[in-house]
Protein backbone atom coordinates (compact mmCIF):
# COMPACT_ATOMS: atom_id res chain seq x y z
CA MET A 1 -9.53 -31.91 0.39
CA SER A 2 -7.31 -32.79 -2.64
CA THR A 3 -5.84 -30.51 -5.25
CA PRO A 4 -7.23 -31.44 -8.54
CA ALA A 5 -5.13 -33.24 -10.39
CA ASP A 6 -5.47 -30.98 -13.71
CA SER A 7 -4.58 -27.67 -11.84
CA SER A 8 -1.66 -26.26 -13.08
CA ARG A 9 -2.10 -22.83 -11.28
CA LYS A 10 -1.74 -23.37 -7.35
CA LEU A 11 -0.42 -21.01 -4.49
CA SER A 12 -0.85 -21.27 -0.47
CA VAL A 13 -1.93 -17.93 1.36
CA ILE A 14 -2.39 -16.48 4.68
CA ASP A 15 -4.77 -13.64 5.18
CA SER A 16 -4.49 -10.89 7.34
CA HIS A 17 -5.87 -7.27 7.98
CA THR A 18 -4.08 -4.21 8.92
CA CYS A 19 -6.41 -1.84 10.42
CA GLY A 20 -9.17 -3.25 8.35
CA GLN A 21 -7.66 -3.19 4.94
CA PRO A 22 -6.94 -6.96 3.82
CA THR A 23 -3.50 -8.80 2.94
CA ARG A 24 -3.12 -12.00 1.41
CA VAL A 25 0.72 -13.55 1.88
CA ILE A 26 1.83 -15.78 -0.57
CA VAL A 27 3.89 -18.57 0.85
CA ASP A 28 4.17 -21.26 -1.40
CA GLY A 29 3.34 -21.55 -5.24
CA ILE A 30 5.65 -18.82 -7.05
CA PRO A 31 6.88 -20.03 -9.98
CA ASP A 32 10.84 -19.85 -10.20
CA ILE A 33 12.00 -16.60 -11.87
CA GLY A 34 15.42 -15.31 -12.43
CA TYR A 35 16.17 -11.86 -11.10
CA SER A 36 18.92 -9.61 -9.22
CA THR A 37 16.43 -6.92 -7.56
CA ILE A 38 13.18 -7.47 -6.09
CA ALA A 39 12.33 -5.06 -8.72
CA GLU A 40 13.25 -7.45 -11.48
CA ALA A 41 11.28 -10.42 -9.79
CA SER A 42 8.00 -7.90 -9.83
CA GLU A 43 8.99 -7.41 -13.09
CA ALA A 44 9.05 -11.05 -14.14
CA LEU A 45 5.92 -11.43 -12.50
CA ALA A 46 3.79 -9.23 -14.15
CA SER A 47 5.07 -10.24 -17.60
CA GLU A 48 5.87 -13.64 -17.38
CA HIS A 49 3.40 -15.22 -14.69
CA ASP A 50 0.42 -12.69 -14.14
CA TRP A 51 -1.28 -15.44 -13.07
CA VAL A 52 -0.38 -15.85 -9.73
CA ARG A 53 -1.54 -11.82 -8.92
CA ARG A 54 -4.92 -12.83 -10.83
CA LEU A 55 -5.52 -16.20 -8.78
CA ALA A 56 -4.67 -14.67 -5.33
CA VAL A 57 -6.63 -11.19 -6.14
CA PHE A 58 -9.75 -10.95 -8.94
CA GLU A 59 -12.59 -13.05 -8.34
CA PRO A 60 -13.53 -16.34 -7.28
CA HIS A 61 -10.47 -15.89 -4.86
CA GLY A 62 -10.49 -12.71 -4.16
CA HIS A 63 -12.24 -9.01 -4.73
CA ARG A 64 -11.22 -5.52 -6.10
CA ALA A 65 -9.72 -4.46 -2.81
CA LEU A 66 -7.44 -7.20 -1.86
CA PHE A 67 -3.85 -6.95 -1.72
CA ALA A 68 -1.85 -9.60 -1.94
CA ALA A 69 2.46 -10.15 -0.94
CA ALA A 70 4.22 -12.63 -2.69
CA LEU A 71 7.39 -13.84 -0.31
CA ILE A 72 10.76 -14.86 -2.36
CA PRO A 73 14.18 -15.07 -1.56
CA PRO A 74 15.74 -11.70 -1.02
CA SER A 75 17.92 -10.29 -3.45
CA SER A 76 19.81 -8.91 -0.57
CA PRO A 77 22.01 -10.66 2.06
CA ASP A 78 20.51 -7.73 4.79
CA ALA A 79 16.81 -8.98 4.59
CA ALA A 80 14.73 -11.53 5.91
CA HIS A 81 12.45 -12.30 3.09
CA GLY A 82 11.92 -10.51 -0.60
CA VAL A 83 8.41 -9.46 -1.05
CA VAL A 84 6.51 -8.47 -4.21
CA PHE A 85 3.50 -6.19 -3.69
CA MET A 86 0.43 -6.48 -6.34
CA ASP A 87 -3.51 -5.82 -6.27
CA ALA A 88 -6.18 -5.33 -8.54
CA ALA A 89 -4.48 -1.92 -10.24
CA GLY A 90 -1.01 -4.05 -10.84
CA TYR A 91 2.24 -4.37 -8.98
CA HIS A 92 3.82 -1.66 -6.85
CA GLY A 93 6.74 -0.65 -5.41
CA MET A 94 5.74 -0.47 -1.83
CA CYS A 95 2.85 -0.87 0.29
CA GLY A 96 2.67 0.13 4.05
CA HIS A 97 -0.50 -1.93 5.20
CA ALA A 98 0.45 -5.01 3.40
CA THR A 99 3.77 -4.68 5.22
CA ILE A 100 2.29 -4.76 8.42
CA GLY A 101 0.59 -7.68 7.23
CA VAL A 102 3.91 -9.31 6.06
CA ALA A 103 5.54 -8.75 9.33
CA THR A 104 2.61 -9.79 11.36
CA THR A 105 2.22 -13.03 9.14
CA LEU A 106 6.03 -13.63 9.46
CA VAL A 107 6.34 -13.44 13.41
CA GLU A 108 3.04 -15.24 14.53
CA CYS A 109 2.93 -17.84 11.58
CA GLY A 110 6.56 -19.03 12.70
CA LEU A 111 7.99 -17.82 9.50
CA LEU A 112 10.49 -15.83 11.15
CA GLY A 113 12.04 -17.14 14.45
CA VAL A 114 11.54 -14.23 16.89
CA GLY A 115 11.19 -14.43 20.48
CA GLU A 116 9.03 -11.74 23.15
CA GLY A 117 10.00 -8.43 23.35
CA THR A 118 10.98 -6.03 19.85
CA SER A 119 12.62 -7.49 17.10
CA GLU A 120 13.99 -5.98 14.22
CA PHE A 121 14.63 -7.32 10.66
CA ALA A 122 14.21 -6.03 6.89
CA LEU A 123 12.00 -6.61 4.20
CA ASP A 124 13.73 -6.51 0.43
CA THR A 125 11.08 -4.82 -1.66
CA PRO A 126 10.69 -3.46 -5.40
CA ILE A 127 11.84 0.28 -3.89
CA GLY A 128 14.66 -1.17 -1.84
CA LEU A 129 14.99 -2.23 2.11
CA VAL A 130 12.45 -1.58 4.36
CA VAL A 131 13.16 -2.19 8.10
CA VAL A 132 10.23 -3.84 10.27
CA ARG A 133 10.20 -3.44 13.90
CA VAL A 134 7.66 -5.89 15.35
CA ARG A 135 6.17 -5.56 19.17
CA VAL A 136 5.79 -8.90 20.25
CA GLU A 137 3.82 -10.07 23.34
CA GLY A 138 2.31 -13.38 24.44
CA GLY A 139 2.82 -14.60 20.88
CA ARG A 140 1.14 -12.19 19.31
CA ALA A 141 2.80 -9.20 16.72
CA ARG A 142 0.91 -6.01 18.91
CA SER A 143 2.62 -3.35 16.65
CA VAL A 144 4.55 -3.38 13.61
CA THR A 145 6.88 0.12 12.67
CA PHE A 146 8.29 -0.05 9.33
CA VAL A 147 11.10 2.88 8.14
CA ASN A 148 10.08 3.52 4.65
CA GLN A 149 11.98 4.27 1.59
CA PRO A 150 12.16 8.49 1.31
CA ALA A 151 9.55 10.43 0.78
CA TYR A 152 8.96 13.92 -0.67
CA PHE A 153 6.58 16.48 -1.62
CA LEU A 154 6.24 16.99 -5.43
CA THR A 155 4.18 20.08 -6.22
CA THR A 156 0.70 21.97 -6.23
CA VAL A 157 -1.41 21.68 -9.00
CA SER A 158 -5.04 23.16 -9.20
CA ILE A 159 -8.34 21.54 -10.98
CA ALA A 160 -11.44 23.11 -11.47
CA SER A 161 -14.93 21.78 -8.67
CA PRO A 162 -18.21 23.30 -8.42
CA ARG A 163 -17.02 25.59 -5.69
CA GLY A 164 -14.31 26.63 -7.62
CA PRO A 165 -10.49 25.75 -8.36
CA VAL A 166 -9.22 23.12 -5.80
CA HIS A 167 -5.89 22.83 -4.90
CA VAL A 168 -4.13 19.37 -5.26
CA HIS A 169 -0.99 18.10 -3.54
CA VAL A 170 1.33 15.69 -4.79
CA ALA A 171 3.73 13.59 -3.19
CA PHE A 172 5.39 10.11 -2.93
CA GLY A 173 5.74 7.97 -0.16
CA GLY A 174 6.17 4.37 -1.74
CA GLN A 175 3.64 5.05 -4.18
CA TRP A 176 2.29 8.53 -5.84
CA TYR A 177 -0.73 10.13 -4.21
CA ALA A 178 -2.85 13.40 -4.98
CA PHE A 179 -4.11 15.01 -1.95
CA VAL A 180 -7.88 16.47 -2.70
CA ASP A 181 -9.74 17.50 0.08
CA ALA A 182 -13.12 15.76 -0.11
CA ARG A 183 -14.75 19.45 1.72
CA SER A 184 -13.82 21.11 -1.76
CA PHE A 185 -16.73 18.80 -3.39
CA ASP A 186 -19.22 19.13 -0.29
CA LEU A 187 -18.41 15.65 0.88
CA GLU A 188 -16.35 14.03 4.45
CA ILE A 189 -15.25 10.65 4.52
CA THR A 190 -17.67 8.53 5.58
CA PRO A 191 -18.91 5.03 4.81
CA ALA A 192 -21.89 6.36 2.87
CA ASN A 193 -20.17 8.66 1.09
CA ILE A 194 -17.69 5.67 -0.37
CA PRO A 195 -19.31 5.37 -3.71
CA LEU A 196 -19.41 9.02 -4.17
CA LEU A 197 -16.03 9.60 -3.40
CA VAL A 198 -14.80 6.27 -6.08
CA SER A 199 -16.68 7.86 -8.54
CA LEU A 200 -15.48 11.26 -7.99
CA ALA A 201 -11.82 10.12 -8.04
CA ALA A 202 -12.23 8.09 -11.20
CA ASP A 203 -13.90 11.75 -12.84
CA ILE A 204 -10.82 13.93 -11.38
CA ARG A 205 -8.08 11.79 -11.98
CA PRO A 206 -7.46 13.07 -15.57
CA LEU A 207 -7.57 16.81 -14.75
CA ILE A 208 -5.06 15.73 -12.13
CA GLN A 209 -2.67 14.18 -14.63
CA GLN A 210 -3.61 17.26 -17.47
CA ALA A 211 -2.42 19.41 -14.32
CA LEU A 212 0.60 17.64 -13.76
CA ALA A 213 1.68 17.81 -17.38
CA VAL A 214 1.22 21.23 -17.38
CA ASP A 215 2.87 22.21 -14.45
CA GLY A 216 6.06 19.99 -15.59
CA THR A 217 6.84 17.28 -13.01
CA ARG A 218 10.40 17.12 -13.30
CA GLY A 219 10.84 13.75 -14.80
CA VAL A 220 7.96 12.31 -13.09
CA ALA A 221 5.21 10.93 -15.37
CA PRO A 222 1.82 12.54 -14.56
CA GLY A 223 0.04 9.02 -15.36
CA ASP A 224 1.91 7.54 -12.48
CA VAL A 225 0.06 9.55 -10.12
CA ARG A 226 -2.98 7.50 -9.80
CA ASN A 227 -4.03 7.44 -6.40
CA VAL A 228 -6.73 9.95 -5.59
CA MET A 229 -6.10 10.75 -1.51
CA TRP A 230 -9.49 12.19 -0.08
CA PHE A 231 -9.20 13.85 3.04
CA ASP A 232 -11.06 16.17 5.12
CA ASP A 233 -11.63 17.30 8.95
CA PRO A 234 -9.75 15.08 11.40
CA PRO A 235 -11.89 12.82 14.13
CA PRO A 236 -11.38 13.53 17.68
CA HIS A 237 -8.97 10.71 18.31
CA ALA A 238 -6.50 12.13 15.42
CA ASP A 239 -5.09 14.48 13.47
CA GLY A 240 -5.91 13.84 10.43
CA ARG A 241 -8.41 11.59 8.37
CA ASN A 242 -7.84 10.62 4.62
CA MET A 243 -8.90 7.38 2.16
CA PRO A 244 -7.21 6.97 -1.17
CA VAL A 245 -9.15 5.63 -4.09
CA ASN A 246 -6.68 3.50 -6.87
CA VAL A 247 -7.63 3.09 -10.39
CA ALA A 248 -9.14 -0.05 -10.27
CA GLY A 249 -11.76 1.94 -7.99
CA ALA A 250 -10.77 0.20 -4.80
CA PHE A 251 -10.48 2.33 -1.42
CA ASP A 252 -8.26 1.58 1.34
CA ARG A 253 -10.03 0.56 4.75
CA SER A 254 -7.10 1.50 6.71
CA PRO A 255 -5.19 5.00 6.88
CA CYS A 256 -3.13 3.77 3.97
CA GLY A 257 0.85 3.15 5.13
CA THR A 258 2.20 4.73 2.00
CA GLY A 259 -0.32 7.41 1.79
CA THR A 260 0.75 8.48 5.26
CA SER A 261 4.03 8.87 4.40
CA ALA A 262 3.26 11.14 1.54
CA ARG A 263 1.06 13.14 4.04
CA LEU A 264 3.96 13.65 6.28
CA ALA A 265 5.51 14.52 3.24
CA VAL A 266 3.17 17.19 2.42
CA LEU A 267 2.45 18.62 5.97
CA HIS A 268 6.70 19.00 6.41
CA TYR A 269 6.36 20.69 3.28
CA GLN A 270 3.64 23.14 4.44
CA ARG A 271 5.34 23.53 7.89
CA THR A 272 2.92 22.18 10.19
CA LEU A 273 4.84 19.41 11.13
CA ASP A 274 8.57 19.10 12.05
CA VAL A 275 11.28 15.97 12.30
CA GLY A 276 10.61 14.11 15.39
CA GLN A 277 6.98 14.71 15.52
CA THR A 278 4.04 12.20 15.78
CA TYR A 279 0.99 12.39 13.25
CA VAL A 280 -1.89 10.33 13.79
CA ASN A 281 -3.60 9.14 10.69
CA ALA A 282 -7.09 7.94 10.35
CA GLY A 283 -8.95 6.20 7.44
CA VAL A 284 -12.69 5.67 6.96
CA LEU A 285 -13.45 2.89 9.57
CA GLY A 286 -11.51 5.29 12.37
CA THR A 287 -8.40 2.85 12.93
CA VAL A 288 -5.45 4.61 13.19
CA TYR A 289 -1.84 4.87 12.08
CA HIS A 290 0.85 6.84 13.74
CA GLY A 291 3.40 8.36 11.38
CA ARG A 292 6.51 10.09 12.60
CA ILE A 293 9.30 11.81 10.42
CA ALA A 294 12.42 9.95 11.79
CA SER A 295 14.99 12.51 9.81
CA GLU A 296 15.53 14.49 6.81
CA THR A 297 17.63 14.31 3.96
CA ALA A 298 18.21 15.07 0.54
CA SER A 299 18.37 13.44 -3.01
CA GLY A 300 20.35 15.30 -4.92
CA ALA A 301 18.24 18.83 -5.06
CA GLN A 302 14.86 16.86 -3.60
CA ARG A 303 14.58 17.16 -0.32
CA THR A 304 13.23 13.87 1.20
CA LEU A 305 12.06 12.33 4.59
CA ILE A 306 12.12 9.33 6.31
CA PRO A 307 9.13 8.19 7.76
CA GLU A 308 8.28 5.73 10.10
CA ILE A 309 4.64 4.18 10.31
CA THR A 310 2.88 2.13 12.91
CA GLY A 311 -0.01 -0.11 12.80
CA SER A 312 -1.31 -3.47 13.72
CA ALA A 313 -2.62 -6.28 11.23
CA TRP A 314 -4.90 -9.68 12.46
CA ILE A 315 -4.45 -13.06 10.90
CA THR A 316 -7.49 -14.21 9.74
CA GLY A 317 -7.18 -17.57 7.85
CA ARG A 318 -5.15 -19.55 5.53
CA ALA A 319 -5.83 -21.95 2.52
CA ASP A 320 -4.49 -23.37 -0.75
CA LEU A 321 -5.88 -21.18 -4.09
CA TRP A 322 -6.27 -23.42 -7.40
CA VAL A 323 -7.97 -23.26 -10.43
CA ALA A 324 -8.80 -26.33 -12.65
CA ASN A 325 -7.04 -26.06 -16.22
CA ASP A 326 -10.69 -26.10 -17.78
CA ASP A 327 -12.15 -24.10 -15.70
CA PRO A 328 -13.44 -21.04 -18.56
CA LEU A 329 -13.03 -18.26 -15.68
CA ALA A 330 -9.62 -19.64 -14.87
CA ASP A 331 -8.04 -15.83 -15.75
CA GLY A 332 -10.12 -14.50 -13.21
CA PHE A 333 -12.49 -11.50 -13.55
CA LEU A 334 -13.44 -8.11 -11.59
CA LEU A 335 -16.86 -6.91 -11.88
């Protein structure tokens, strides 16, 4: 089937899921944009070509929980590809599950020439270079480990709940996360409780941001802390369990790569996880990531750590997406 002649918006994509969470890699159709860094490229797409995100992510081509990663030429000669991350909530400096999905797509679809065994390359992201190690067996990317940019614990604030004050731990792992114990609201992270957890996250997000505004966050805008990360008791096969909810009302099916990075920072601050130790983190489906603090460093007065996160992705399909110019829903929609 050919593309309609009156379509000016066209993308070629390859879909995958990382431990349950979808990634749509945009491999062709990105308009020409000028940039000197991937952060500038992300800003250019957001301000001048947001139709790319809306076509790739929004209905009728996508859905609220879909995450997209646009492949573009890297700004650094040390990187194999540049990547711009986007979802229904907007654009992001980093995404862990999508990094695993991108690496798997590059290897298994022949977009990057690697052989059997473990190969290492770098992806150029809006927050900097992310080193990726892919273990290939039988032509399949069996596991992907990415070395994230520095993560760190910021602060702990309190909000009210029916059972009294609730401590909220705020940390950065490529995105900002506010960690909230679901048990404080008499809930646990199960598929049956997802509607309640999503609704409650929307209710408490402004309370968390208000508490941060009062607390003072050393240059971090309270409004930047938009992901509510629920956690509770770990299942038998893991050390922890969590589920983030973003401002678009979407939740992560996987254990969340940047969220796991942020959780390592919280645990290290609490002195329950040392450098070199592995932390097995489960998501709402029971799938797991293996997180490890590779090293500890400093950025000015801020103590930071370098997380390594390991997970696996599976290719689910490929498609050409387009929209006719006279389509009344050409800009996409979310319900």
